[in-house]
Amino acid sequence: MMPLTLAASGEENTIKKIGGKEETKKFLESLGFVTGGSVTVVSEVDGNMIVNVKDSRVAIGKDMANKIMV
């Protein structure tokens, strides 16, 4: 298990765990980041990422990406 920030671009990963405070978890869930779901990194610049999750492209910051374990 590793944080999303370490995932390679173009590789599909399965979300294993979402960390952080309850409000952070709810926010990420509302964007489609749920345990067991798949996420693919599209691009990464300085830890900030654009990812495909549930047929949507989402931009997330480094702090949020570190809370998503794949």
PDB file of N, CA and C in Angstrom:
ATOM      1  N   MET A   1       0.847  -1.179   0.000  1.00  0.00           N
ATOM      2  CA  MET A   1       0.000   0.000   0.000  1.00  0.00           C
ATOM      3  C   MET A   1       0.895   1.246   0.000  1.00  0.00           C
ATOM      4  N   MET A   2       0.533   2.218  -0.843  1.00  0.00           N
ATOM      5  CA  MET A   2       1.319   3.450  -0.947  1.00  0.00           C
ATOM      6  C   MET A   2       0.386   4.632  -1.205  1.00  0.00           C
ATOM      7  N   PRO A   3       0.842   5.845  -0.896  1.00  0.00           N
ATOM      8  CA  PRO A   3      -0.011   7.001  -1.198  1.00  0.00           C
ATOM      9  C   PRO A   3      -0.124   7.211  -2.711  1.00  0.00           C
ATOM     10  N   LEU A   4      -1.209   7.826  -3.125  1.00  0.00           N
ATOM     11  CA  LEU A   4      -1.462   8.074  -4.542  1.00  0.00           C
ATOM     12  C   LEU A   4      -0.339   8.886  -5.187  1.00  0.00           C
ATOM     13  N   THR A   5       0.338   9.718  -4.404  1.00  0.00           N
ATOM     14  CA  THR A   5       1.416  10.556  -4.952  1.00  0.00           C
ATOM     15  C   THR A   5       2.565   9.725  -5.520  1.00  0.00           C
ATOM     16  N   LEU A   6       2.699   8.464  -5.095  1.00  0.00           N
ATOM     17  CA  LEU A   6       3.777   7.597  -5.593  1.00  0.00           C
ATOM     18  C   LEU A   6       3.355   6.724  -6.776  1.00  0.00           C
ATOM     19  N   ALA A   7       2.086   6.796  -7.154  1.00  0.00           N
ATOM     20  CA  ALA A   7       1.589   5.968  -8.268  1.00  0.00           C
ATOM     21  C   ALA A   7       2.111   6.508  -9.601  1.00  0.00           C
ATOM     22  N   ALA A   8       2.359   5.592 -10.529  1.00  0.00           N
ATOM     23  CA  ALA A   8       2.861   5.969 -11.851  1.00  0.00           C
ATOM     24  C   ALA A   8       1.725   6.479 -12.732  1.00  0.00           C
ATOM     25  N   SER A   9       2.048   7.431 -13.605  1.00  0.00           N
ATOM     26  CA  SER A   9       1.048   7.969 -14.538  1.00  0.00           C
ATOM     27  C   SER A   9       0.577   6.891 -15.501  1.00  0.00           C
ATOM     28  N   GLY A  10      -0.716   6.876 -15.791  1.00  0.00           N
ATOM     29  CA  GLY A  10      -1.278   5.935 -16.755  1.00  0.00           C
ATOM     30  C   GLY A  10      -1.632   4.578 -16.194  1.00  0.00           C
ATOM     31  N   GLU A  11      -1.224   4.285 -14.967  1.00  0.00           N
ATOM     32  CA  GLU A  11      -1.512   2.995 -14.353  1.00  0.00           C
ATOM     33  C   GLU A  11      -2.809   3.071 -13.567  1.00  0.00           C
ATOM     34  N   GLU A  12      -3.677   2.082 -13.746  1.00  0.00           N
ATOM     35  CA  GLU A  12      -4.911   2.044 -12.970  1.00  0.00           C
ATOM     36  C   GLU A  12      -4.632   1.426 -11.607  1.00  0.00           C
ATOM     37  N   ASN A  13      -5.061   2.105 -10.559  1.00  0.00           N
ATOM     38  CA  ASN A  13      -4.842   1.635  -9.191  1.00  0.00           C
ATOM     39  C   ASN A  13      -6.178   1.493  -8.479  1.00  0.00           C
ATOM     40  N   THR A  14      -6.219   0.582  -7.513  1.00  0.00           N
ATOM     41  CA  THR A  14      -7.415   0.400  -6.697  1.00  0.00           C
ATOM     42  C   THR A  14      -7.225   1.130  -5.376  1.00  0.00           C
ATOM     43  N   ILE A  15      -8.217   1.902  -4.980  1.00  0.00           N
ATOM     44  CA  ILE A  15      -8.140   2.635  -3.717  1.00  0.00           C
ATOM     45  C   ILE A  15      -8.353   1.646  -2.577  1.00  0.00           C
ATOM     46  N   LYS A  16      -7.375   1.559  -1.669  1.00  0.00           N
ATOM     47  CA  LYS A  16      -7.445   0.613  -0.575  1.00  0.00           C
ATOM     48  C   LYS A  16      -7.909   1.272   0.722  1.00  0.00           C
ATOM     49  N   LYS A  17      -7.565   2.561   0.905  1.00  0.00           N
ATOM     50  CA  LYS A  17      -7.910   3.235   2.158  1.00  0.00           C
ATOM     51  C   LYS A  17      -7.853   4.733   1.943  1.00  0.00           C
ATOM     52  N   ILE A  18      -8.732   5.451   2.642  1.00  0.00           N
ATOM     53  CA  ILE A  18      -8.696   6.907   2.611  1.00  0.00           C
ATOM     54  C   ILE A  18      -8.488   7.388   4.039  1.00  0.00           C
ATOM     55  N   GLY A  19      -7.432   8.145   4.244  1.00  0.00           N
ATOM     56  CA  GLY A  19      -7.101   8.620   5.579  1.00  0.00           C
ATOM     57  C   GLY A  19      -7.571  10.046   5.810  1.00  0.00           C
ATOM     58  N   GLY A  20      -7.203  10.597   6.955  1.00  0.00           N
ATOM     59  CA  GLY A  20      -7.539  11.981   7.274  1.00  0.00           C
ATOM     60  C   GLY A  20      -8.737  12.101   8.180  1.00  0.00           C
ATOM     61  N   LYS A  21      -9.128  13.347   8.429  1.00  0.00           N
ATOM     62  CA  LYS A  21     -10.284  13.624   9.278  1.00  0.00           C
ATOM     63  C   LYS A  21     -11.567  13.213   8.567  1.00  0.00           C
ATOM     64  N   GLU A  22     -12.642  13.104   9.337  1.00  0.00           N
ATOM     65  CA  GLU A  22     -13.931  12.671   8.790  1.00  0.00           C
ATOM     66  C   GLU A  22     -14.405  13.591   7.663  1.00  0.00           C
ATOM     67  N   GLU A  23     -14.235  14.906   7.833  1.00  0.00           N
ATOM     68  CA  GLU A  23     -14.678  15.842   6.797  1.00  0.00           C
ATOM     69  C   GLU A  23     -13.861  15.682   5.514  1.00  0.00           C
ATOM     70  N   THR A  24     -12.579  15.357   5.655  1.00  0.00           N
ATOM     71  CA  THR A  24     -11.727  15.115   4.485  1.00  0.00           C
ATOM     72  C   THR A  24     -12.193  13.874   3.743  1.00  0.00           C
ATOM     73  N   LYS A  25     -12.491  12.810   4.497  1.00  0.00           N
ATOM     74  CA  LYS A  25     -12.974  11.566   3.883  1.00  0.00           C
ATOM     75  C   LYS A  25     -14.279  11.810   3.126  1.00  0.00           C
ATOM     76  N   LYS A  26     -15.200  12.548   3.746  1.00  0.00           N
ATOM     77  CA  LYS A  26     -16.497  12.837   3.102  1.00  0.00           C
ATOM     78  C   LYS A  26     -16.291  13.635   1.813  1.00  0.00           C
ATOM     79  N   PHE A  27     -15.372  14.608   1.858  1.00  0.00           N
ATOM     80  CA  PHE A  27     -15.086  15.426   0.678  1.00  0.00           C
ATOM     81  C   PHE A  27     -14.548  14.563  -0.460  1.00  0.00           C
ATOM     82  N   LEU A  28     -13.577  13.706  -0.151  1.00  0.00           N
ATOM     83  CA  LEU A  28     -12.995  12.834  -1.171  1.00  0.00           C
ATOM     84  C   LEU A  28     -14.036  11.851  -1.711  1.00  0.00           C
ATOM     85  N   GLU A  29     -14.909  11.340  -0.822  1.00  0.00           N
ATOM     86  CA  GLU A  29     -15.973  10.439  -1.272  1.00  0.00           C
ATOM     87  C   GLU A  29     -16.918  11.155  -2.232  1.00  0.00           C
ATOM     88  N   SER A  30     -17.193  12.424  -1.963  1.00  0.00           N
ATOM     89  CA  SER A  30     -18.100  13.175  -2.846  1.00  0.00           C
ATOM     90  C   SER A  30     -17.492  13.376  -4.235  1.00  0.00           C
ATOM     91  N   LEU A  31     -16.159  13.343  -4.313  1.00  0.00           N
ATOM     92  CA  LEU A  31     -15.482  13.455  -5.608  1.00  0.00           C
ATOM     93  C   LEU A  31     -15.385  12.106  -6.326  1.00  0.00           C
ATOM     94  N   GLY A  32     -15.715  11.018  -5.619  1.00  0.00           N
ATOM     95  CA  GLY A  32     -15.677   9.691  -6.232  1.00  0.00           C
ATOM     96  C   GLY A  32     -14.562   8.800  -5.723  1.00  0.00           C
ATOM     97  N   PHE A  33     -13.777   9.282  -4.764  1.00  0.00           N
ATOM     98  CA  PHE A  33     -12.697   8.472  -4.197  1.00  0.00           C
ATOM     99  C   PHE A  33     -13.272   7.601  -3.088  1.00  0.00           C
ATOM    100  N   VAL A  34     -13.612   6.352  -3.425  1.00  0.00           N
ATOM    101  CA  VAL A  34     -14.174   5.426  -2.449  1.00  0.00           C
ATOM    102  C   VAL A  34     -13.322   4.157  -2.411  1.00  0.00           C
ATOM    103  N   THR A  35     -13.254   3.535  -1.243  1.00  0.00           N
ATOM    104  CA  THR A  35     -12.485   2.305  -1.070  1.00  0.00           C
ATOM    105  C   THR A  35     -12.998   1.246  -2.040  1.00  0.00           C
ATOM    106  N   GLY A  36     -12.073   0.633  -2.765  1.00  0.00           N
ATOM    107  CA  GLY A  36     -12.427  -0.382  -3.749  1.00  0.00           C
ATOM    108  C   GLY A  36     -12.597   0.187  -5.153  1.00  0.00           C
ATOM    109  N   GLY A  37     -12.693   1.506  -5.264  1.00  0.00           N
ATOM    110  CA  GLY A  37     -12.826   2.148  -6.569  1.00  0.00           C
ATOM    111  C   GLY A  37     -11.482   2.217  -7.282  1.00  0.00           C
ATOM    112  N   SER A  38     -11.508   2.538  -8.559  1.00  0.00           N
ATOM    113  CA  SER A  38     -10.251   2.636  -9.296  1.00  0.00           C
ATOM    114  C   SER A  38      -9.924   4.093  -9.597  1.00  0.00           C
ATOM    115  N   VAL A  39      -8.636   4.388  -9.638  1.00  0.00           N
ATOM    116  CA  VAL A  39      -8.151   5.738  -9.919  1.00  0.00           C
ATOM    117  C   VAL A  39      -6.924   5.621 -10.818  1.00  0.00           C
ATOM    118  N   THR A  40      -6.835   6.485 -11.813  1.00  0.00           N
ATOM    119  CA  THR A  40      -5.699   6.500 -12.735  1.00  0.00           C
ATOM    120  C   THR A  40      -5.094   7.893 -12.735  1.00  0.00           C
ATOM    121  N   VAL A  41      -3.773   7.971 -12.539  1.00  0.00           N
ATOM    122  CA  VAL A  41      -3.084   9.261 -12.558  1.00  0.00           C
ATOM    123  C   VAL A  41      -2.904   9.688 -14.010  1.00  0.00           C
ATOM    124  N   VAL A  42      -3.390  10.887 -14.350  1.00  0.00           N
ATOM    125  CA  VAL A  42      -3.241  11.421 -15.700  1.00  0.00           C
ATOM    126  C   VAL A  42      -1.934  12.204 -15.789  1.00  0.00           C
ATOM    127  N   SER A  43      -1.736  13.130 -14.849  1.00  0.00           N
ATOM    128  CA  SER A  43      -0.483  13.878 -14.813  1.00  0.00           C
ATOM    129  C   SER A  43      -0.195  14.343 -13.396  1.00  0.00           C
ATOM    130  N   GLU A  44       1.077  14.699 -13.160  1.00  0.00           N
ATOM    131  CA  GLU A  44       1.518  15.104 -11.835  1.00  0.00           C
ATOM    132  C   GLU A  44       2.570  16.196 -11.975  1.00  0.00           C
ATOM    133  N   VAL A  45       2.381  17.299 -11.245  1.00  0.00           N
ATOM    134  CA  VAL A  45       3.349  18.392 -11.230  1.00  0.00           C
ATOM    135  C   VAL A  45       3.550  18.824  -9.780  1.00  0.00           C
ATOM    136  N   ASP A  46       4.765  18.689  -9.284  1.00  0.00           N
ATOM    137  CA  ASP A  46       5.095  19.066  -7.898  1.00  0.00           C
ATOM    138  C   ASP A  46       4.174  18.414  -6.872  1.00  0.00           C
ATOM    139  N   GLY A  47       3.723  17.199  -7.132  1.00  0.00           N
ATOM    140  CA  GLY A  47       2.860  16.493  -6.187  1.00  0.00           C
ATOM    141  C   GLY A  47       1.379  16.746  -6.394  1.00  0.00           C
ATOM    142  N   ASN A  48       1.026  17.836  -7.103  1.00  0.00           N
ATOM    143  CA  ASN A  48      -0.373  18.092  -7.429  1.00  0.00           C
ATOM    144  C   ASN A  48      -0.741  17.231  -8.629  1.00  0.00           C
ATOM    145  N   MET A  49      -1.930  16.629  -8.591  1.00  0.00           N
ATOM    146  CA  MET A  49      -2.254  15.615  -9.584  1.00  0.00           C
ATOM    147  C   MET A  49      -3.576  15.854 -10.295  1.00  0.00           C
ATOM    148  N   ILE A  50      -3.645  15.359 -11.519  1.00  0.00           N
ATOM    149  CA  ILE A  50      -4.908  15.243 -12.234  1.00  0.00           C
ATOM    150  C   ILE A  50      -5.135  13.741 -12.382  1.00  0.00           C
ATOM    151  N   VAL A  51      -6.296  13.280 -11.917  1.00  0.00           N
ATOM    152  CA  VAL A  51      -6.580  11.852 -11.934  1.00  0.00           C
ATOM    153  C   VAL A  51      -7.932  11.588 -12.572  1.00  0.00           C
ATOM    154  N   ASN A  52      -8.090  10.382 -13.113  1.00  0.00           N
ATOM    155  CA  ASN A  52      -9.385   9.914 -13.606  1.00  0.00           C
ATOM    156  C   ASN A  52      -9.989   9.045 -12.519  1.00  0.00           C
ATOM    157  N   VAL A  53     -11.191   9.411 -12.089  1.00  0.00           N
ATOM    158  CA  VAL A  53     -11.901   8.610 -11.092  1.00  0.00           C
ATOM    159  C   VAL A  53     -13.377   8.629 -11.468  1.00  0.00           C
ATOM    160  N   LYS A  54     -13.980   7.440 -11.589  1.00  0.00           N
ATOM    161  CA  LYS A  54     -15.390   7.318 -11.976  1.00  0.00           C
ATOM    162  C   LYS A  54     -15.723   8.116 -13.229  1.00  0.00           C
ATOM    163  N   ASP A  55     -14.954   7.939 -14.284  1.00  0.00           N
ATOM    164  CA  ASP A  55     -15.174   8.608 -15.577  1.00  0.00           C
ATOM    165  C   ASP A  55     -15.136  10.126 -15.506  1.00  0.00           C
ATOM    166  N   SER A  56     -14.477  10.678 -14.494  1.00  0.00           N
ATOM    167  CA  SER A  56     -14.313  12.136 -14.370  1.00  0.00           C
ATOM    168  C   SER A  56     -12.848  12.453 -14.142  1.00  0.00           C
ATOM    169  N   ARG A  57     -12.445  13.617 -14.620  1.00  0.00           N
ATOM    170  CA  ARG A  57     -11.089  14.087 -14.347  1.00  0.00           C
ATOM    171  C   ARG A  57     -11.151  15.030 -13.168  1.00  0.00           C
ATOM    172  N   VAL A  58     -10.313  14.778 -12.168  1.00  0.00           N
ATOM    173  CA  VAL A  58     -10.319  15.575 -10.945  1.00  0.00           C
ATOM    174  C   VAL A  58      -8.895  16.023 -10.649  1.00  0.00           C
ATOM    175  N   ALA A  59      -8.748  17.300 -10.285  1.00  0.00           N
ATOM    176  CA  ALA A  59      -7.444  17.814  -9.856  1.00  0.00           C
ATOM    177  C   ALA A  59      -7.423  17.823  -8.335  1.00  0.00           C
ATOM    178  N   ILE A  60      -6.377  17.239  -7.753  1.00  0.00           N
ATOM    179  CA  ILE A  60      -6.249  17.255  -6.296  1.00  0.00           C
ATOM    180  C   ILE A  60      -4.839  17.677  -5.913  1.00  0.00           C
ATOM    181  N   GLY A  61      -4.735  18.306  -4.764  1.00  0.00           N
ATOM    182  CA  GLY A  61      -3.442  18.765  -4.265  1.00  0.00           C
ATOM    183  C   GLY A  61      -2.651  17.634  -3.644  1.00  0.00           C
ATOM    184  N   LYS A  62      -1.392  17.913  -3.384  1.00  0.00           N
ATOM    185  CA  LYS A  62      -0.480  16.921  -2.822  1.00  0.00           C
ATOM    186  C   LYS A  62      -0.967  16.412  -1.463  1.00  0.00           C
ATOM    187  N   ASP A  63      -1.478  17.307  -0.617  1.00  0.00           N
ATOM    188  CA  ASP A  63      -1.945  16.908   0.708  1.00  0.00           C
ATOM    189  C   ASP A  63      -3.086  15.897   0.619  1.00  0.00           C
ATOM    190  N   MET A  64      -4.031  16.168  -0.267  1.00  0.00           N
ATOM    191  CA  MET A  64      -5.166  15.253  -0.442  1.00  0.00           C
ATOM    192  C   MET A  64      -4.696  13.918  -1.041  1.00  0.00           C
ATOM    193  N   ALA A  65      -3.813  14.004  -2.032  1.00  0.00           N
ATOM    194  CA  ALA A  65      -3.326  12.784  -2.692  1.00  0.00           C
ATOM    195  C   ALA A  65      -2.581  11.882  -1.718  1.00  0.00           C
ATOM    196  N   ASN A  66      -1.914  12.472  -0.727  1.00  0.00           N
ATOM    197  CA  ASN A  66      -1.195  11.672   0.270  1.00  0.00           C
ATOM    198  C   ASN A  66      -2.137  10.910   1.202  1.00  0.00           C
ATOM    199  N   LYS A  67      -3.392  11.337   1.291  1.00  0.00           N
ATOM    200  CA  LYS A  67      -4.366  10.670   2.156  1.00  0.00           C
ATOM    201  C   LYS A  67      -5.038   9.489   1.472  1.00  0.00           C
ATOM    202  N   ILE A  68      -4.856   9.396   0.148  1.00  0.00           N
ATOM    203  CA  ILE A  68      -5.480   8.300  -0.623  1.00  0.00           C
ATOM    204  C   ILE A  68      -4.437   7.200  -0.800  1.00  0.00           C
ATOM    205  N   MET A  69      -4.718   6.041  -0.218  1.00  0.00           N
ATOM    206  CA  MET A  69      -3.782   4.922  -0.301  1.00  0.00           C
ATOM    207  C   MET A  69      -4.235   3.931  -1.374  1.00  0.00           C
ATOM    208  N   VAL A  70      -3.281   3.538  -2.240  1.00  0.00           N
ATOM    209  CA  VAL A  70      -3.581   2.591  -3.320  1.00  0.00           C
ATOM    210  C   VAL A  70      -2.716   1.350  -3.190  1.00  0.00           C
TER     211      VAL A  70
END
